[in-house]
Protein backbone atom coordinates (compact mmCIF):
# COMPACT_ATOMS: atom_id res chain seq x y z
CA MET A 1 -36.62 42.57 -7.30
CA SER A 2 -33.29 41.28 -5.98
CA LEU A 3 -34.87 40.85 -2.51
CA ILE A 4 -37.53 38.49 -3.93
CA THR A 5 -35.04 36.41 -5.91
CA ASN A 6 -32.51 36.33 -3.04
CA LEU A 7 -35.09 35.16 -0.50
CA THR A 8 -36.36 32.52 -2.94
CA ARG A 9 -32.80 31.35 -3.61
CA MET A 10 -32.00 31.02 0.11
CA TRP A 11 -35.25 29.20 0.83
CA LEU A 12 -34.96 26.70 -2.01
CA THR A 13 -31.22 26.04 -1.67
CA ARG A 14 -31.43 25.97 2.15
CA SER A 15 -28.37 28.20 2.23
CA VAL A 16 -27.36 31.86 2.37
CA LYS A 17 -24.56 31.04 -0.09
CA PRO A 18 -25.02 33.19 -3.22
CA PHE A 19 -24.72 32.05 -6.82
CA THR A 20 -21.08 32.92 -7.50
CA PHE A 21 -19.59 33.11 -10.99
CA THR A 22 -15.80 33.40 -11.20
CA ASN A 23 -13.29 33.64 -14.05
CA GLU A 24 -11.88 30.16 -13.42
CA TYR A 25 -12.50 27.65 -16.19
CA ASP A 26 -11.88 24.06 -17.21
CA SER A 27 -9.55 23.25 -20.09
CA VAL A 28 -11.45 20.00 -20.57
CA LEU A 29 -15.24 19.91 -20.24
CA PRO A 30 -16.58 16.79 -18.47
CA PHE A 31 -19.46 15.95 -20.83
CA GLU A 32 -18.67 12.35 -21.81
CA ASN A 33 -21.21 10.84 -19.40
CA ALA A 34 -23.83 13.60 -19.63
CA GLU A 35 -27.25 12.25 -20.61
CA ASN A 36 -29.74 14.17 -22.77
CA LEU A 37 -26.91 16.43 -23.94
CA GLY A 38 -27.77 19.14 -26.44
CA LEU A 39 -25.63 21.45 -28.60
CA TYR A 40 -25.91 25.19 -29.22
CA VAL A 41 -24.00 27.46 -31.61
CA HIS A 42 -24.16 31.27 -31.41
CA ILE A 43 -23.70 33.45 -34.51
CA PRO A 44 -23.73 37.06 -33.19
CA PHE A 45 -24.13 38.99 -36.47
CA CYS A 46 -27.12 41.10 -37.57
CA LYS A 47 -27.63 43.46 -40.51
CA SER A 48 -29.36 45.89 -38.14
CA ILE A 49 -29.54 46.01 -34.34
CA CYS A 50 -33.00 45.90 -32.75
CA SER A 51 -33.14 48.18 -29.70
CA PHE A 52 -35.21 45.71 -27.64
CA CYS A 53 -32.98 42.66 -28.22
CA PRO A 54 -30.74 41.73 -25.23
CA TYR A 55 -28.69 39.02 -26.92
CA CYS A 56 -25.02 39.16 -27.87
CA LYS A 57 -24.82 40.60 -31.38
CA ILE A 58 -22.76 42.93 -33.58
CA LEU A 59 -23.29 44.50 -37.00
CA TYR A 60 -22.72 42.14 -39.91
CA ASP A 61 -19.39 42.25 -41.69
CA LYS A 62 -18.75 39.37 -44.07
CA GLU A 63 -14.99 39.28 -43.53
CA LEU A 64 -15.36 39.29 -39.74
CA LEU A 65 -18.14 36.67 -39.91
CA ASP A 66 -15.90 34.31 -41.91
CA ARG A 67 -13.02 34.90 -39.50
CA TYR A 68 -15.33 34.25 -36.55
CA ILE A 69 -16.53 30.96 -38.04
CA ASP A 70 -12.93 29.85 -38.65
CA TYR A 71 -12.35 30.16 -34.90
CA LEU A 72 -15.75 28.73 -34.02
CA LEU A 73 -14.68 25.57 -35.84
CA GLN A 74 -11.49 25.53 -33.80
CA GLU A 75 -13.51 25.79 -30.56
CA ILE A 76 -15.59 22.79 -31.66
CA HIS A 77 -12.41 20.78 -32.21
CA LEU A 78 -10.88 21.96 -28.91
CA VAL A 79 -13.91 20.59 -27.05
CA GLY A 80 -14.58 17.55 -29.21
CA LYS A 81 -11.02 16.24 -29.41
CA ASN A 82 -11.26 15.20 -25.77
CA LEU A 83 -13.49 12.36 -26.94
CA SER A 84 -11.06 11.18 -29.61
CA GLU A 85 -8.06 11.51 -27.26
CA LYS A 86 -9.75 9.05 -24.93
CA ASN A 87 -10.10 6.65 -27.87
CA LEU A 88 -13.86 6.38 -27.57
CA SER A 89 -15.05 4.03 -30.29
CA GLU A 90 -18.38 5.78 -30.77
CA LYS A 91 -19.45 9.38 -31.19
CA LYS A 92 -21.23 11.05 -28.28
CA ARG A 93 -24.99 10.82 -28.82
CA VAL A 94 -26.75 14.18 -28.33
CA THR A 95 -30.37 15.26 -28.57
CA SER A 96 -30.36 18.27 -30.86
CA LEU A 97 -28.36 21.17 -32.25
CA TYR A 98 -29.63 24.75 -32.31
CA PHE A 99 -28.16 27.81 -34.03
CA GLY A 100 -29.07 31.15 -32.43
CA GLY A 101 -27.94 34.73 -32.64
CA GLY A 102 -27.81 37.27 -33.97
CA THR A 103 -28.93 36.10 -37.36
CA PRO A 104 -27.41 32.66 -38.05
CA ALA A 105 -28.79 32.57 -41.60
CA LEU A 106 -26.22 35.25 -42.52
CA ALA A 107 -23.74 32.36 -42.31
CA VAL A 108 -25.84 30.18 -44.62
CA GLU A 109 -22.85 29.29 -46.83
CA ARG A 110 -20.98 27.82 -43.85
CA ILE A 111 -23.72 26.25 -41.72
CA GLY A 112 -23.03 22.86 -43.33
CA GLU A 113 -19.33 23.18 -42.47
CA ILE A 114 -20.18 23.83 -38.80
CA ILE A 115 -22.60 20.87 -38.69
CA GLN A 116 -19.97 18.60 -40.27
CA ALA A 117 -17.39 19.64 -37.66
CA LEU A 118 -19.80 18.82 -34.84
CA GLU A 119 -20.71 15.50 -36.45
CA GLU A 120 -17.08 14.42 -36.22
CA TYR A 121 -17.68 14.01 -32.48
CA PHE A 122 -21.44 13.95 -31.96
CA GLU A 123 -24.39 11.97 -33.28
CA ILE A 124 -27.40 14.32 -33.44
CA SER A 125 -30.60 12.36 -32.83
CA GLN A 126 -33.40 14.95 -32.79
CA GLY A 127 -32.58 17.33 -35.59
CA VAL A 128 -30.98 20.71 -36.22
CA GLY A 129 -32.75 24.02 -35.59
CA LEU A 130 -31.83 27.50 -36.81
CA GLU A 131 -33.21 31.01 -36.25
CA LEU A 132 -34.02 33.31 -39.16
CA HIS A 133 -34.96 36.94 -39.66
CA PRO A 134 -38.06 37.23 -41.93
CA SER A 135 -35.88 38.73 -44.65
CA ASN A 136 -33.85 35.47 -44.72
CA VAL A 137 -36.91 33.39 -45.60
CA THR A 138 -36.39 32.88 -49.32
CA ALA A 139 -36.54 29.61 -51.21
CA GLU A 140 -32.83 29.94 -52.07
CA ILE A 141 -31.68 30.35 -48.46
CA LEU A 142 -34.08 27.71 -47.12
CA LEU A 143 -32.88 25.18 -49.69
CA LYS A 144 -29.24 25.79 -48.74
CA LEU A 145 -30.08 25.34 -45.06
CA LYS A 146 -31.98 22.14 -45.73
CA LYS A 147 -29.11 20.71 -47.78
CA ALA A 148 -26.73 21.60 -44.95
CA GLY A 149 -28.78 19.47 -42.54
CA VAL A 150 -31.18 21.93 -40.89
CA THR A 151 -34.52 20.27 -40.05
CA LYS A 152 -36.23 22.97 -37.95
CA ILE A 153 -36.44 26.73 -38.36
CA SER A 154 -37.61 29.55 -36.12
CA ILE A 155 -38.56 32.88 -37.71
CA GLY A 156 -38.42 36.03 -35.58
CA ILE A 157 -41.59 37.76 -36.72
CA GLN A 158 -42.31 39.62 -33.42
CA SER A 159 -45.51 41.04 -34.97
CA PHE A 160 -47.21 41.11 -38.36
CA GLN A 161 -48.86 44.43 -37.48
CA GLU A 162 -47.47 47.79 -38.50
CA LYS A 163 -48.27 49.53 -35.18
CA PHE A 164 -46.09 47.08 -33.25
CA GLN A 165 -43.44 46.85 -35.96
CA ASN A 166 -43.03 50.61 -35.56
CA ILE A 167 -42.70 50.30 -31.77
CA LEU A 168 -40.06 47.59 -32.15
CA GLY A 169 -38.21 49.22 -35.05
CA ARG A 170 -39.00 46.34 -37.41
CA LYS A 171 -39.92 46.38 -41.09
CA ALA A 172 -43.14 45.02 -42.59
CA VAL A 173 -43.25 41.29 -43.35
CA ASP A 174 -44.30 40.20 -46.84
CA THR A 175 -46.64 37.37 -45.82
CA LEU A 176 -47.27 36.20 -49.38
CA ALA A 177 -43.53 35.83 -50.10
CA LEU A 178 -43.11 34.12 -46.73
CA LYS A 179 -45.85 31.61 -47.52
CA LYS A 180 -44.46 30.82 -50.98
CA ALA A 181 -40.94 30.22 -49.66
CA LEU A 182 -42.16 27.92 -46.88
CA GLU A 183 -44.31 25.96 -49.31
CA ALA A 184 -41.36 25.58 -51.69
CA VAL A 185 -38.97 24.24 -49.02
CA PRO A 186 -40.74 22.37 -46.18
CA PHE A 187 -39.19 21.69 -42.76
CA GLU A 188 -40.09 19.35 -39.91
CA THR A 189 -40.82 22.36 -37.68
CA VAL A 190 -41.54 25.90 -38.79
CA SER A 191 -41.82 28.05 -35.68
CA MET A 192 -42.62 31.77 -35.58
CA ASP A 193 -41.75 34.04 -32.64
CA PHE A 194 -43.98 36.84 -31.36
CA ILE A 195 -43.73 39.34 -28.52
CA PHE A 196 -46.64 39.93 -26.18
CA ALA A 197 -47.30 42.56 -23.48
CA LEU A 198 -46.43 45.46 -25.77
CA PRO A 199 -48.08 48.87 -25.10
CA ASN A 200 -51.85 48.76 -25.77
CA GLN A 201 -51.61 45.26 -27.24
CA THR A 202 -54.89 43.34 -27.07
CA PHE A 203 -55.94 39.72 -27.33
CA GLU A 204 -57.35 40.47 -30.81
CA ASP A 205 -53.93 41.73 -31.88
CA LEU A 206 -52.25 38.51 -30.76
CA LYS A 207 -55.02 36.30 -32.10
CA SER A 208 -54.52 37.92 -35.51
CA ASP A 209 -50.76 37.24 -35.37
CA ILE A 210 -51.26 33.62 -34.31
CA ASP A 211 -53.86 32.96 -37.02
CA THR A 212 -51.65 34.59 -39.66
CA ALA A 213 -48.63 32.52 -38.59
CA PHE A 214 -50.44 29.21 -39.05
CA LEU A 215 -52.00 30.46 -42.28
CA VAL A 216 -48.66 31.29 -43.92
CA GLY A 217 -46.89 28.07 -42.99
CA ALA A 218 -45.99 27.80 -39.30
CA ASN A 219 -46.79 24.62 -37.39
CA HIS A 220 -45.42 25.98 -34.11
CA ILE A 221 -45.47 29.40 -32.43
CA ALA A 222 -43.67 31.05 -29.53
CA VAL A 223 -45.31 34.05 -27.82
CA TYR A 224 -42.67 35.55 -25.55
CA PRO A 225 -43.24 38.37 -23.06
CA PHE A 226 -41.56 41.71 -23.60
CA ILE A 227 -38.87 42.22 -20.94
CA ASP A 228 -37.39 45.68 -20.41
CA PHE A 229 -33.68 44.98 -19.94
CA THR A 230 -31.87 47.95 -18.42
CA PHE A 231 -28.92 47.83 -20.84
CA THR A 232 -30.93 47.94 -24.08
CA LYS A 233 -31.88 51.20 -25.77
CA SER A 234 -35.55 50.27 -26.01
CA LYS A 235 -38.03 52.87 -24.72
CA VAL A 236 -40.94 50.42 -24.74
CA ARG A 237 -42.67 50.27 -21.35
CA ALA A 238 -43.66 46.92 -19.89
CA MET A 239 -47.34 46.06 -19.46
CA LYS A 240 -48.87 45.99 -15.97
CA LYS A 241 -49.19 42.67 -14.16
CA LYS A 242 -53.02 42.38 -14.25
CA GLU A 243 -53.24 43.12 -17.99
CA LYS A 244 -50.35 40.79 -18.76
CA ARG A 245 -51.91 37.91 -16.85
CA LYS A 246 -55.23 38.27 -18.67
CA LEU A 247 -53.45 38.43 -22.01
CA LEU A 248 -51.41 35.28 -21.33
CA ASP A 249 -54.51 33.42 -20.10
CA ASP A 250 -56.54 34.51 -23.14
CA ILE A 251 -53.78 33.43 -25.54
CA THR A 252 -53.49 30.05 -23.82
CA LEU A 253 -57.26 29.40 -23.78
CA TYR A 254 -57.57 30.39 -27.43
CA CYS A 255 -54.79 27.97 -28.42
CA TYR A 256 -56.44 25.20 -26.39
CA GLU A 257 -59.77 25.88 -28.12
CA LYS A 258 -58.07 25.57 -31.51
CA GLY A 259 -56.60 22.21 -30.48
CA TYR A 260 -52.98 23.39 -30.33
CA GLU A 261 -50.63 21.54 -27.99
CA ARG A 262 -48.83 23.57 -25.35
CA ASP A 263 -45.22 22.42 -25.02
CA SER A 264 -43.90 25.22 -22.79
CA ILE A 265 -45.08 28.31 -20.93
CA TRP A 266 -45.47 30.29 -24.14
CA THR A 267 -45.09 27.88 -27.07
CA PHE A 268 -47.81 25.97 -28.91
CA SER A 269 -47.75 23.49 -31.78
CA LYS A 270 -50.37 22.86 -34.45
CA GLU A 271 -48.97 19.46 -35.40
CA LYS A 272 -47.84 16.62 -33.15
CA GLY A 273 -44.07 16.45 -33.05
CA ALA A 274 -43.53 20.07 -34.11
CA LYS A 275 -41.26 21.41 -31.38
CA TYR A 276 -38.62 24.11 -31.11
CA SER A 277 -36.77 24.78 -27.84
CA SER A 278 -33.06 25.23 -27.23
CA MET A 279 -33.51 25.73 -23.47
CA THR A 280 -35.30 22.76 -21.93
CA ARG A 281 -32.40 20.29 -21.86
CA GLU A 282 -30.70 18.70 -18.85
CA ASN A 283 -27.18 19.31 -20.19
CA PHE A 284 -25.81 21.20 -23.17
CA LEU A 285 -22.58 22.40 -24.76
CA GLY A 286 -22.44 25.93 -26.17
CA PHE A 287 -20.08 27.16 -28.89
CA GLY A 288 -19.43 30.75 -29.94
CA ALA A 289 -19.35 34.16 -28.27
CA SER A 290 -21.75 34.36 -25.27
CA ALA A 291 -22.76 30.69 -25.64
CA THR A 292 -23.43 28.86 -22.39
CA THR A 293 -22.64 25.31 -21.32
CA LEU A 294 -24.58 23.43 -18.64
CA LEU A 295 -23.21 20.19 -17.18
CA ARG A 296 -23.89 18.13 -14.05
CA ASN A 297 -21.94 20.28 -11.62
CA GLN A 298 -21.27 23.49 -13.48
CA PHE A 299 -22.54 26.23 -15.74
CA LYS A 300 -20.19 28.33 -17.84
CA ILE A 301 -20.55 31.21 -20.28
CA ASN A 302 -18.23 32.32 -23.07
CA THR A 303 -17.02 35.88 -23.45
CA PHE A 304 -19.38 38.27 -25.26
CA SER A 305 -16.48 39.94 -27.10
CA VAL A 306 -15.95 38.53 -30.59
CA GLU A 307 -12.36 39.81 -30.73
CA GLU A 308 -11.49 38.39 -27.30
CA TYR A 309 -13.22 35.15 -28.25
CA ILE A 310 -10.92 34.88 -31.27
CA LYS A 311 -7.80 35.74 -29.22
CA ARG A 312 -8.54 33.04 -26.66
CA ILE A 313 -8.95 30.37 -29.32
CA GLU A 314 -5.80 31.55 -31.10
CA SER A 315 -3.98 30.59 -27.89
CA LYS A 316 -5.68 27.14 -27.99
CA THR A 317 -7.70 28.04 -24.89
CA LEU A 318 -11.45 27.79 -24.36
CA PRO A 319 -13.11 31.26 -24.47
CA THR A 320 -14.83 30.81 -21.09
CA SER A 321 -15.53 34.08 -19.31
CA LEU A 322 -17.34 32.92 -16.14
CA THR A 323 -18.06 29.61 -14.40
CA ILE A 324 -20.26 28.60 -11.47
CA ARG A 325 -19.67 25.37 -9.54
CA PHE A 326 -23.08 24.25 -8.36
CA SER A 327 -23.91 22.94 -4.93
CA GLU A 328 -26.34 20.01 -5.16
CA ARG A 329 -29.30 22.16 -4.15
CA GLN A 330 -28.34 24.92 -6.58
CA ARG A 331 -28.24 22.40 -9.41
CA MET A 332 -31.66 21.07 -8.37
CA ILE A 333 -33.16 24.56 -8.51
CA TYR A 334 -31.66 25.18 -11.93
CA TRP A 335 -33.04 21.83 -13.15
CA LEU A 336 -36.51 22.49 -11.73
CA PHE A 337 -36.66 26.05 -13.03
CA TRP A 338 -35.98 25.15 -16.65
CA THR A 339 -37.86 21.85 -16.58
CA ALA A 340 -40.90 23.73 -15.27
CA TYR A 341 -40.66 25.89 -18.42
CA THR A 342 -42.32 22.94 -20.21
CA THR A 343 -45.25 23.30 -17.71
CA LYS A 344 -44.61 19.74 -16.46
CA VAL A 345 -42.24 18.09 -13.99
CA GLN A 346 -41.94 14.31 -13.82
CA GLU A 347 -40.87 12.79 -10.50
CA ARG A 348 -39.01 9.97 -12.26
CA ASP A 349 -36.92 12.43 -14.31
CA PHE A 350 -35.80 14.30 -11.19
CA GLU A 351 -34.94 11.07 -9.38
CA LYS A 352 -33.06 9.72 -12.39
CA PHE A 353 -30.91 12.84 -12.59
CA PHE A 354 -30.28 13.42 -8.87
CA LYS A 355 -30.67 9.88 -7.46
CA VAL A 356 -33.08 11.14 -4.78
CA PRO A 357 -36.92 11.48 -4.77
CA LEU A 358 -38.35 14.89 -5.66
CA LYS A 359 -40.78 14.81 -2.72
CA LYS A 360 -37.94 14.18 -0.30
CA MET A 361 -36.19 17.37 -1.43
CA TYR A 362 -39.15 19.66 -2.17
CA GLY A 363 -42.26 17.95 -0.84
CA LYS A 364 -43.34 20.95 1.28
CA GLU A 365 -42.95 23.38 -1.60
CA LEU A 366 -44.91 21.13 -3.96
CA ARG A 367 -47.75 20.72 -1.44
CA LEU A 368 -47.87 24.52 -1.06
CA ALA A 369 -47.89 24.97 -4.85
CA ARG A 370 -50.86 22.58 -5.09
CA LYS A 371 -52.70 24.36 -2.27
CA LEU A 372 -52.19 27.74 -3.93
CA GLY A 373 -53.53 26.37 -7.22
CA PHE A 374 -50.25 26.69 -9.12
CA VAL A 375 -49.98 23.00 -10.03
CA THR A 376 -52.01 19.82 -10.19
CA TYR A 377 -50.64 16.36 -9.48
CA GLU A 378 -51.39 13.12 -11.32
CA LYS A 379 -50.29 10.32 -9.00
CA ASP A 380 -50.43 7.57 -11.64
CA LYS A 381 -48.03 9.55 -13.86
CA GLY A 382 -45.98 11.02 -11.03
CA GLU A 383 -46.40 14.35 -12.79
CA TYR A 384 -46.85 17.93 -11.61
CA LYS A 385 -48.54 20.14 -14.19
CA MET A 386 -48.97 23.91 -14.12
CA THR A 387 -52.40 25.49 -14.09
CA LEU A 388 -53.09 28.75 -15.93
CA LYS A 389 -52.44 30.54 -12.64
CA GLY A 390 -49.17 28.64 -12.14
CA ALA A 391 -48.01 29.38 -15.69
CA PHE A 392 -48.58 33.09 -15.19
CA TYR A 393 -46.73 33.20 -11.88
CA TYR A 394 -43.88 31.18 -13.38
CA HIS A 395 -43.69 33.85 -16.07
CA TYR A 396 -43.95 36.58 -13.44
CA TYR A 397 -41.11 35.10 -11.38
CA GLU A 398 -39.06 34.42 -14.52
CA ASN A 399 -39.29 38.15 -15.23
CA TYR A 400 -37.82 38.87 -11.76
CA TYR A 401 -35.13 36.24 -12.34
CA THR A 402 -34.25 37.75 -15.72
CA LEU A 403 -33.96 41.30 -14.40
CA SER A 404 -32.11 40.27 -11.22
CA TYR A 405 -29.65 37.78 -12.71
CA ILE A 406 -29.46 37.82 -16.51
CA ASP A 407 -29.83 41.60 -16.82
CA LYS A 408 -26.97 42.16 -14.37
CA MET A 409 -24.69 39.49 -15.85
CA TRP A 410 -25.22 40.37 -19.50
CA GLY A 411 -24.97 44.08 -18.72
CA ILE A 412 -21.51 43.54 -17.22
CA MET A 413 -20.32 41.06 -19.86
CA ARG A 414 -21.25 43.40 -22.71
CA LYS A 415 -18.62 45.80 -21.29
CA VAL A 416 -16.03 43.46 -19.71
CA ALA A 417 -14.80 40.44 -21.67
CA PHE A 418 -13.57 38.50 -18.61
CA PRO A 419 -15.01 39.80 -15.31
CA GLU A 420 -13.29 38.57 -12.15
CA LYS A 421 -16.47 37.64 -10.29
CA ILE A 422 -20.24 38.18 -10.30
CA GLU A 423 -22.41 37.25 -7.32
CA PHE A 424 -26.20 37.08 -7.00
């Protein structure tokens, strides 16, 4: 796997230079002039730990959660005060704010406090999203979230079916209670997450989950592939390539037939404007343990250790664990990779961000992608759009990328709070 990703990296960056993350960090983050800036907050607490989940999380403890949030608020002020120190007359306009985890709804009593702290420095223009475990979806919790300012929610269902709940170590979902709670407290977007490519999973299984989701109150769904991270305790085996491709194609075609709009490789919306994605943004600031920040020339990631996170902030220092300083070509690849997640790439967006035409930098690659049937090109729009074949191979390569880069990095950072260096 590393051979494929390394060769691709060298070809696309026109360099043998690896992606190098080091433990250097900036005391002041240069985000003042970043356009299309988003915000992300990580709450790494769960009442139980799912064996398949790779994200930074620890068992819920109310006292520790409250202590963590106290320091999370301090991190927000450490970053945001740079705006006020420069006497900027206006708040920094950002696109959206997303809360992930973990189970952010466990902090329901303090979500409003976190949003208020961020709003001291930022003007949020496209709403606030938050992830929930199905057990959090009660009218009481939803009402508190809505009053705090949350406008979008994402519910981690994974599967409504007992056979897959057993495989994943999840409990049954009370669909009637779910439907009643969502009817009682409506949101702009109600997204539900599902996992596909589980052992012996069929199109009928996924079709049933998708239909149930929209029946009980979702207006958006995300159908993510199962990825077998090496550091998790999951014993679930990944599905073979041929079966996985057919399953993804069948899901996509079914959603198209139903009139659902595809807004990324594996997300679909039932209603226009219903969107939920914390990833497809040109720049973003991340707050909390393991949260990442992406800016014009750098990417940085906070320590995974909650205790070390707190210690860093106690010393009035940002809790950055690793930072990469991008070369121009490296930044272009990062931009293209995550923009392509939406299944579309606009030439004008690339040129606006990098001040150089897309075709000048990657014309040969784009012609090859068209020839291989991965993308189509609409000249009047200046837009490259993935075909079904292209979407599958994006997913297939993303799996290699995840296991070669993210699996290695997260595996190390789960054990070492501040590694000296990681190279890919």
